[in-house]
Amino acid sequence: MTAKDENAKVNATAPDAGAHAKTQVLPIGRQRATRRFPEGTAGDRYQDIIQAAAILFAERGYLATSMRDIAERVGLLGGSLYHHVRSKEELFLAVHDFALQHASELIADAVVDIDDPWERLEAACVRQLEIQLDPNVVAIPFLTDFRNVPQDILEKLIARRDVFEEAYVELVNQLPLPGHIDASLYRVLLLSLINSVSAWYRPGRMTPAEIGRQIIHIFRHETGDGGAA
């Protein structure tokens, strides 16, 4: 989430895009997450549709992907797709809900057994980057790329992403930050950096986990010997 997003925050509760989009983004707490799926979904067929839509949206973007394209990818007639989803907007939001829910659960599992607040934040950042930079996870990389998305959908996407990132409020508030550092701005800058990595990352010198650790070392203002500056 960028500073602009923070200043122009929409409703903290994500708007309802229909029965299929009713996912619960789990907070990063002390209990292991349990995978939950949207209410009223049609089992494996609905998951096939979500997966196909995620791939097409990632490849072509929102505007260039049609419901007919998605139906053909899963072997359905164009009209049959509407038995499972009501609109392309609903499906686009559902793809993001699934991706954010899945990421929330993996991050929650990464920090659940860690007590040290710095180690918890590092584990969360590492896991988020591992998910975000995984070439086999097609939904995550375009979560932060909202170009060419209509404004009404953009607002809903930002609201959903803000709910996901609320978990970092707890993580940052637990840090022993100096009194002169604003925790809210600290969190925005940290997340802005994490969300930008996919724009420049190339496999090679550093792994996603190593980048995540480096980011926390920098945000912790550590000296060369590993101590705090």
C-alpha atoms as a PDB file:
ATOM      1  CA  MET A   1       0.000   0.000   0.000  1.00  0.00           C
ATOM      2  CA  THR A   2       1.436   3.371  -0.965  1.00  0.00           C
ATOM      3  CA  ALA A   3       1.306   6.553   1.089  1.00  0.00           C
ATOM      4  CA  LYS A   4      -1.297   7.817  -1.363  1.00  0.00           C
ATOM      5  CA  ASP A   5      -3.409   4.747  -0.646  1.00  0.00           C
ATOM      6  CA  GLU A   6      -3.045   5.388   3.106  1.00  0.00           C
ATOM      7  CA  ASN A   7      -4.168   8.981   2.790  1.00  0.00           C
ATOM      8  CA  ALA A   8      -7.069   8.132   0.480  1.00  0.00           C
ATOM      9  CA  LYS A   9      -8.232   5.043   2.335  1.00  0.00           C
ATOM     10  CA  VAL A  10     -11.669   3.776   1.506  1.00  0.00           C
ATOM     11  CA  ASN A  11     -13.862   1.709   3.804  1.00  0.00           C
ATOM     12  CA  ALA A  12     -11.870  -0.667   5.985  1.00  0.00           C
ATOM     13  CA  THR A  13     -14.408  -3.411   5.293  1.00  0.00           C
ATOM     14  CA  ALA A  14     -14.241  -4.692   1.731  1.00  0.00           C
ATOM     15  CA  PRO A  15     -17.464  -4.211  -0.271  1.00  0.00           C
ATOM     16  CA  ASP A  16     -19.481  -7.317  -0.994  1.00  0.00           C
ATOM     17  CA  ALA A  17     -19.223  -8.351  -4.645  1.00  0.00           C
ATOM     18  CA  GLY A  18     -21.741 -11.152  -4.300  1.00  0.00           C
ATOM     19  CA  ALA A  19     -21.947 -14.531  -2.629  1.00  0.00           C
ATOM     20  CA  HIS A  20     -18.887 -15.892  -4.421  1.00  0.00           C
ATOM     21  CA  ALA A  21     -16.635 -13.123  -3.090  1.00  0.00           C
ATOM     22  CA  LYS A  22     -17.409 -13.543   0.598  1.00  0.00           C
ATOM     23  CA  THR A  23     -13.934 -14.542   1.724  1.00  0.00           C
ATOM     24  CA  GLN A  24     -12.480 -13.826   5.118  1.00  0.00           C
ATOM     25  CA  VAL A  25      -8.965 -12.422   5.110  1.00  0.00           C
ATOM     26  CA  LEU A  26      -7.411 -13.828   8.233  1.00  0.00           C
ATOM     27  CA  PRO A  27      -5.368 -11.580  10.561  1.00  0.00           C
ATOM     28  CA  ILE A  28      -1.863 -12.503  11.596  1.00  0.00           C
ATOM     29  CA  GLY A  29      -2.468 -13.780  15.090  1.00  0.00           C
ATOM     30  CA  ARG A  30      -1.473 -16.600  17.380  1.00  0.00           C
ATOM     31  CA  GLN A  31      -3.577 -19.330  15.834  1.00  0.00           C
ATOM     32  CA  ARG A  32      -2.779 -21.286  12.722  1.00  0.00           C
ATOM     33  CA  ALA A  33      -5.016 -20.384   9.815  1.00  0.00           C
ATOM     34  CA  THR A  34      -7.558 -22.770   8.351  1.00  0.00           C
ATOM     35  CA  ARG A  35      -8.269 -22.504   4.623  1.00  0.00           C
ATOM     36  CA  ARG A  36     -11.790 -21.269   3.913  1.00  0.00           C
ATOM     37  CA  PHE A  37     -13.480 -20.838   0.579  1.00  0.00           C
ATOM     38  CA  PRO A  38     -16.228 -18.428  -0.519  1.00  0.00           C
ATOM     39  CA  GLU A  39     -19.786 -19.332   0.376  1.00  0.00           C
ATOM     40  CA  GLY A  40     -21.964 -20.766  -2.375  1.00  0.00           C
ATOM     41  CA  THR A  41     -19.085 -21.831  -4.632  1.00  0.00           C
ATOM     42  CA  ALA A  42     -19.460 -24.816  -6.909  1.00  0.00           C
ATOM     43  CA  GLY A  43     -16.559 -26.897  -5.630  1.00  0.00           C
ATOM     44  CA  ASP A  44     -13.783 -27.896  -8.012  1.00  0.00           C
ATOM     45  CA  ARG A  45     -15.428 -26.269 -11.032  1.00  0.00           C
ATOM     46  CA  TYR A  46     -15.485 -22.873  -9.331  1.00  0.00           C
ATOM     47  CA  GLN A  47     -11.840 -23.272  -8.314  1.00  0.00           C
ATOM     48  CA  ASP A  48     -10.990 -24.147 -11.934  1.00  0.00           C
ATOM     49  CA  ILE A  49     -12.695 -20.935 -13.022  1.00  0.00           C
ATOM     50  CA  ILE A  50     -10.776 -18.893 -10.440  1.00  0.00           C
ATOM     51  CA  GLN A  51      -7.476 -20.412 -11.559  1.00  0.00           C
ATOM     52  CA  ALA A  52      -8.188 -19.849 -15.252  1.00  0.00           C
ATOM     53  CA  ALA A  53      -9.319 -16.278 -14.615  1.00  0.00           C
ATOM     54  CA  ALA A  54      -6.208 -15.557 -12.542  1.00  0.00           C
ATOM     55  CA  ILE A  55      -3.950 -16.711 -15.367  1.00  0.00           C
ATOM     56  CA  LEU A  56      -5.800 -14.734 -18.018  1.00  0.00           C
ATOM     57  CA  PHE A  57      -6.052 -11.566 -15.935  1.00  0.00           C
ATOM     58  CA  ALA A  58      -2.311 -11.798 -15.203  1.00  0.00           C
ATOM     59  CA  GLU A  59      -1.453 -12.347 -18.869  1.00  0.00           C
ATOM     60  CA  ARG A  60      -3.837  -9.880 -20.499  1.00  0.00           C
ATOM     61  CA  GLY A  61      -5.080  -7.530 -17.808  1.00  0.00           C
ATOM     62  CA  TYR A  62      -8.653  -6.839 -16.781  1.00  0.00           C
ATOM     63  CA  LEU A  63      -9.857  -4.995 -19.879  1.00  0.00           C
ATOM     64  CA  ALA A  64      -8.445  -7.443 -22.428  1.00  0.00           C
ATOM     65  CA  THR A  65      -9.892 -10.536 -20.733  1.00  0.00           C
ATOM     66  CA  SER A  66     -13.451 -11.508 -21.602  1.00  0.00           C
ATOM     67  CA  MET A  67     -15.842 -13.901 -19.947  1.00  0.00           C
ATOM     68  CA  ARG A  68     -15.799 -15.901 -23.174  1.00  0.00           C
ATOM     69  CA  ASP A  69     -12.006 -16.260 -22.873  1.00  0.00           C
ATOM     70  CA  ILE A  70     -12.363 -17.583 -19.329  1.00  0.00           C
ATOM     71  CA  ALA A  71     -15.167 -19.953 -20.293  1.00  0.00           C
ATOM     72  CA  GLU A  72     -13.110 -21.395 -23.145  1.00  0.00           C
ATOM     73  CA  ARG A  73     -10.125 -21.910 -20.854  1.00  0.00           C
ATOM     74  CA  VAL A  74     -12.194 -24.123 -18.542  1.00  0.00           C
ATOM     75  CA  GLY A  75     -14.183 -25.814 -21.305  1.00  0.00           C
ATOM     76  CA  LEU A  76     -17.533 -24.102 -20.766  1.00  0.00           C
ATOM     77  CA  LEU A  77     -19.903 -22.427 -23.157  1.00  0.00           C
ATOM     78  CA  GLY A  78     -19.910 -18.660 -22.716  1.00  0.00           C
ATOM     79  CA  GLY A  79     -23.368 -18.561 -21.178  1.00  0.00           C
ATOM     80  CA  SER A  80     -22.643 -21.483 -18.837  1.00  0.00           C
ATOM     81  CA  LEU A  81     -20.020 -19.462 -16.989  1.00  0.00           C
ATOM     82  CA  TYR A  82     -22.769 -17.211 -15.632  1.00  0.00           C
ATOM     83  CA  HIS A  83     -24.156 -20.141 -13.658  1.00  0.00           C
ATOM     84  CA  HIS A  84     -21.021 -19.879 -11.508  1.00  0.00           C
ATOM     85  CA  VAL A  85     -20.247 -16.139 -11.529  1.00  0.00           C
ATOM     86  CA  ARG A  86     -22.444 -13.141 -12.207  1.00  0.00           C
ATOM     87  CA  SER A  87     -19.944 -10.795 -13.858  1.00  0.00           C
ATOM     88  CA  LYS A  88     -16.330 -10.262 -14.827  1.00  0.00           C
ATOM     89  CA  GLU A  89     -16.023  -7.711 -12.022  1.00  0.00           C
ATOM     90  CA  GLU A  90     -17.180 -10.253  -9.459  1.00  0.00           C
ATOM     91  CA  LEU A  91     -14.722 -12.813 -10.807  1.00  0.00           C
ATOM     92  CA  PHE A  92     -11.830 -10.329 -10.820  1.00  0.00           C
ATOM     93  CA  LEU A  93     -12.502  -9.443  -7.189  1.00  0.00           C
ATOM     94  CA  ALA A  94     -12.906 -13.116  -6.258  1.00  0.00           C
ATOM     95  CA  VAL A  95      -9.486 -13.900  -7.753  1.00  0.00           C
ATOM     96  CA  HIS A  96      -7.940 -11.241  -5.536  1.00  0.00           C
ATOM     97  CA  ASP A  97      -9.884 -12.472  -2.505  1.00  0.00           C
ATOM     98  CA  PHE A  98      -8.540 -15.993  -2.990  1.00  0.00           C
ATOM     99  CA  ALA A  99      -4.995 -14.712  -3.453  1.00  0.00           C
ATOM    100  CA  LEU A 100      -5.111 -12.454  -0.415  1.00  0.00           C
ATOM    101  CA  GLN A 101      -6.715 -15.129   1.744  1.00  0.00           C
ATOM    102  CA  HIS A 102      -4.098 -17.675   0.718  1.00  0.00           C
ATOM    103  CA  ALA A 103      -1.268 -15.205   1.392  1.00  0.00           C
ATOM    104  CA  SER A 104      -2.780 -14.267   4.768  1.00  0.00           C
ATOM    105  CA  GLU A 105      -2.862 -17.894   5.836  1.00  0.00           C
ATOM    106  CA  LEU A 106       0.723 -18.607   4.780  1.00  0.00           C
ATOM    107  CA  ILE A 107       2.007 -15.481   6.525  1.00  0.00           C
ATOM    108  CA  ALA A 108       0.032 -16.317   9.673  1.00  0.00           C
ATOM    109  CA  ASP A 109       1.564 -19.781   9.747  1.00  0.00           C
ATOM    110  CA  ALA A 110       5.043 -18.273   9.313  1.00  0.00           C
ATOM    111  CA  VAL A 111       4.798 -16.094  12.434  1.00  0.00           C
ATOM    112  CA  VAL A 112       2.512 -18.051  14.753  1.00  0.00           C
ATOM    113  CA  ASP A 113       5.285 -19.695  16.808  1.00  0.00           C
ATOM    114  CA  ILE A 114       7.590 -16.661  16.970  1.00  0.00           C
ATOM    115  CA  ASP A 115       7.627 -14.413  20.031  1.00  0.00           C
ATOM    116  CA  ASP A 116      10.316 -11.845  19.227  1.00  0.00           C
ATOM    117  CA  PRO A 117       8.610  -8.918  17.438  1.00  0.00           C
ATOM    118  CA  TRP A 118      11.482  -8.271  15.027  1.00  0.00           C
ATOM    119  CA  GLU A 119      11.679 -11.929  14.107  1.00  0.00           C
ATOM    120  CA  ARG A 120       7.896 -12.012  13.582  1.00  0.00           C
ATOM    121  CA  LEU A 121       8.049  -9.047  11.214  1.00  0.00           C
ATOM    122  CA  GLU A 122      10.997 -10.562   9.352  1.00  0.00           C
ATOM    123  CA  ALA A 123       9.202 -13.899   8.978  1.00  0.00           C
ATOM    124  CA  ALA A 124       6.101 -12.132   7.620  1.00  0.00           C
ATOM    125  CA  CYS A 125       8.103 -10.114   5.091  1.00  0.00           C
ATOM    126  CA  VAL A 126      10.079 -13.141   3.969  1.00  0.00           C
ATOM    127  CA  ARG A 127       6.964 -15.231   3.474  1.00  0.00           C
ATOM    128  CA  GLN A 128       5.154 -12.453   1.619  1.00  0.00           C
ATOM    129  CA  LEU A 129       8.049 -12.025  -0.789  1.00  0.00           C
ATOM    130  CA  GLU A 130       8.334 -15.781  -1.304  1.00  0.00           C
ATOM    131  CA  ILE A 131       4.660 -15.823  -2.318  1.00  0.00           C
ATOM    132  CA  GLN A 132       4.803 -12.611  -4.316  1.00  0.00           C
ATOM    133  CA  LEU A 133       7.865 -13.663  -6.335  1.00  0.00           C
ATOM    134  CA  ASP A 134       6.834 -17.274  -6.897  1.00  0.00           C
ATOM    135  CA  PRO A 135       6.437 -17.700 -10.695  1.00  0.00           C
ATOM    136  CA  ASN A 136       3.921 -20.471 -10.080  1.00  0.00           C
ATOM    137  CA  VAL A 137       1.553 -18.174  -8.151  1.00  0.00           C
ATOM    138  CA  VAL A 138      -0.131 -16.185 -10.891  1.00  0.00           C
ATOM    139  CA  ALA A 139      -2.544 -14.141  -8.785  1.00  0.00           C
ATOM    140  CA  ILE A 140      -0.116 -12.395  -6.438  1.00  0.00           C
ATOM    141  CA  PRO A 141       2.167 -10.486  -8.873  1.00  0.00           C
ATOM    142  CA  PHE A 142      -0.645  -8.358 -10.284  1.00  0.00           C
ATOM    143  CA  LEU A 143      -2.214  -7.562  -6.909  1.00  0.00           C
ATOM    144  CA  THR A 144      -0.192  -4.356  -6.806  1.00  0.00           C
ATOM    145  CA  ASP A 145      -0.568  -3.571 -10.522  1.00  0.00           C
ATOM    146  CA  PHE A 146      -3.956  -1.897 -10.878  1.00  0.00           C
ATOM    147  CA  ARG A 147      -3.332  -0.091 -14.152  1.00  0.00           C
ATOM    148  CA  ASN A 148      -6.273  -0.001 -16.554  1.00  0.00           C
ATOM    149  CA  VAL A 149      -8.684  -1.173 -13.851  1.00  0.00           C
ATOM    150  CA  PRO A 150     -11.950   0.824 -13.769  1.00  0.00           C
ATOM    151  CA  GLN A 151     -12.187   3.243 -10.849  1.00  0.00           C
ATOM    152  CA  ASP A 152     -15.108   1.537  -9.113  1.00  0.00           C
ATOM    153  CA  ILE A 153     -13.259  -1.794  -9.120  1.00  0.00           C
ATOM    154  CA  LEU A 154     -10.012  -0.090  -8.110  1.00  0.00           C
ATOM    155  CA  GLU A 155     -11.610   1.224  -4.928  1.00  0.00           C
ATOM    156  CA  LYS A 156     -12.814  -2.256  -4.006  1.00  0.00           C
ATOM    157  CA  LEU A 157      -9.381  -3.757  -4.701  1.00  0.00           C
ATOM    158  CA  ILE A 158      -7.657  -1.168  -2.531  1.00  0.00           C
ATOM    159  CA  ALA A 159     -10.155  -1.838   0.254  1.00  0.00           C
ATOM    160  CA  ARG A 160      -9.439  -5.568   0.084  1.00  0.00           C
ATOM    161  CA  ARG A 161      -5.687  -4.996   0.056  1.00  0.00           C
ATOM    162  CA  ASP A 162      -5.975  -2.632   3.020  1.00  0.00           C
ATOM    163  CA  VAL A 163      -7.782  -5.345   5.013  1.00  0.00           C
ATOM    164  CA  PHE A 164      -4.978  -7.770   4.169  1.00  0.00           C
ATOM    165  CA  GLU A 165      -2.323  -5.275   5.229  1.00  0.00           C
ATOM    166  CA  GLU A 166      -4.053  -4.538   8.545  1.00  0.00           C
ATOM    167  CA  ALA A 167      -2.160  -7.576   9.863  1.00  0.00           C
ATOM    168  CA  TYR A 168       1.002  -5.490   9.655  1.00  0.00           C
ATOM    169  CA  VAL A 169      -0.498  -2.948  12.044  1.00  0.00           C
ATOM    170  CA  GLU A 170      -0.179  -5.499  14.828  1.00  0.00           C
ATOM    171  CA  LEU A 171       3.301  -6.565  13.745  1.00  0.00           C
ATOM    172  CA  VAL A 172       4.668  -3.016  13.572  1.00  0.00           C
ATOM    173  CA  ASN A 173       2.934  -1.844  16.759  1.00  0.00           C
ATOM    174  CA  GLN A 174       4.715  -4.606  18.680  1.00  0.00           C
ATOM    175  CA  LEU A 175       8.154  -3.333  17.629  1.00  0.00           C
ATOM    176  CA  PRO A 176      10.285  -1.421  20.140  1.00  0.00           C
ATOM    177  CA  LEU A 177      10.552   1.571  17.819  1.00  0.00           C
ATOM    178  CA  PRO A 178      12.065   4.846  19.089  1.00  0.00           C
ATOM    179  CA  GLY A 179       9.484   7.378  20.156  1.00  0.00           C
ATOM    180  CA  HIS A 180      10.300   9.773  17.320  1.00  0.00           C
ATOM    181  CA  ILE A 181       9.384   7.229  14.629  1.00  0.00           C
ATOM    182  CA  ASP A 182       5.746   7.231  13.519  1.00  0.00           C
ATOM    183  CA  ALA A 183       4.590   3.605  13.409  1.00  0.00           C
ATOM    184  CA  SER A 184       1.953   4.252  10.745  1.00  0.00           C
ATOM    185  CA  LEU A 185       4.404   5.875   8.341  1.00  0.00           C
ATOM    186  CA  TYR A 186       6.956   3.170   9.137  1.00  0.00           C
ATOM    187  CA  ARG A 187       4.423   0.513   8.118  1.00  0.00           C
ATOM    188  CA  VAL A 188       3.440   2.326   4.901  1.00  0.00           C
ATOM    189  CA  LEU A 189       7.067   2.703   3.820  1.00  0.00           C
ATOM    190  CA  LEU A 190       7.833  -0.933   4.622  1.00  0.00           C
ATOM    191  CA  LEU A 191       4.847  -2.249   2.665  1.00  0.00           C
ATOM    192  CA  SER A 192       5.529   0.110  -0.237  1.00  0.00           C
ATOM    193  CA  LEU A 193       9.007  -1.353  -0.520  1.00  0.00           C
ATOM    194  CA  ILE A 194       7.835  -4.957  -0.248  1.00  0.00           C
ATOM    195  CA  ASN A 195       5.114  -4.408  -2.844  1.00  0.00           C
ATOM    196  CA  SER A 196       7.595  -2.853  -5.286  1.00  0.00           C
ATOM    197  CA  VAL A 197      10.067  -5.744  -5.293  1.00  0.00           C
ATOM    198  CA  SER A 198       8.226  -7.686  -8.013  1.00  0.00           C
ATOM    199  CA  ALA A 199       8.775  -4.746 -10.396  1.00  0.00           C
ATOM    200  CA  TRP A 200      12.561  -5.105 -10.341  1.00  0.00           C
ATOM    201  CA  TYR A 201      13.348  -8.568  -8.990  1.00  0.00           C
ATOM    202  CA  ARG A 202      15.222 -11.021 -11.210  1.00  0.00           C
ATOM    203  CA  PRO A 203      16.287 -14.501 -10.023  1.00  0.00           C
ATOM    204  CA  GLY A 204      19.987 -14.736  -9.419  1.00  0.00           C
ATOM    205  CA  ARG A 205      22.088 -12.980  -6.811  1.00  0.00           C
ATOM    206  CA  MET A 206      19.591 -13.023  -3.945  1.00  0.00           C
ATOM    207  CA  THR A 207      16.604 -15.203  -3.108  1.00  0.00           C
ATOM    208  CA  PRO A 208      13.256 -13.701  -2.086  1.00  0.00           C
ATOM    209  CA  ALA A 209      13.963 -14.789   1.504  1.00  0.00           C
ATOM    210  CA  GLU A 210      17.352 -13.048   1.489  1.00  0.00           C
ATOM    211  CA  ILE A 211      15.789  -9.857   0.132  1.00  0.00           C
ATOM    212  CA  GLY A 212      13.141  -9.982   2.864  1.00  0.00           C
ATOM    213  CA  ARG A 213      15.798 -10.314   5.568  1.00  0.00           C
ATOM    214  CA  GLN A 214      17.821  -7.465   4.066  1.00  0.00           C
ATOM    215  CA  ILE A 215      14.766  -5.213   4.065  1.00  0.00           C
ATOM    216  CA  ILE A 216      14.228  -5.815   7.788  1.00  0.00           C
ATOM    217  CA  HIS A 217      17.938  -5.287   8.530  1.00  0.00           C
ATOM    218  CA  ILE A 218      17.695  -1.922   6.785  1.00  0.00           C
ATOM    219  CA  PHE A 219      14.441  -0.950   8.504  1.00  0.00           C
ATOM    220  CA  ARG A 220      15.949  -2.001  11.815  1.00  0.00           C
ATOM    221  CA  HIS A 221      18.910   0.317  11.168  1.00  0.00           C
ATOM    222  CA  GLU A 222      21.406  -2.396  11.968  1.00  0.00           C
ATOM    223  CA  THR A 223      25.150  -1.735  11.890  1.00  0.00           C
ATOM    224  CA  GLY A 224      27.608  -3.944  10.058  1.00  0.00           C
ATOM    225  CA  ASP A 225      28.160  -6.137  13.125  1.00  0.00           C
ATOM    226  CA  GLY A 226      24.448  -6.959  13.405  1.00  0.00           C
ATOM    227  CA  GLY A 227      23.677  -4.534  16.212  1.00  0.00           C
ATOM    228  CA  ALA A 228      21.263  -1.636  16.182  1.00  0.00           C
ATOM    229  CA  ALA A 229      22.720   1.684  15.133  1.00  0.00           C
END
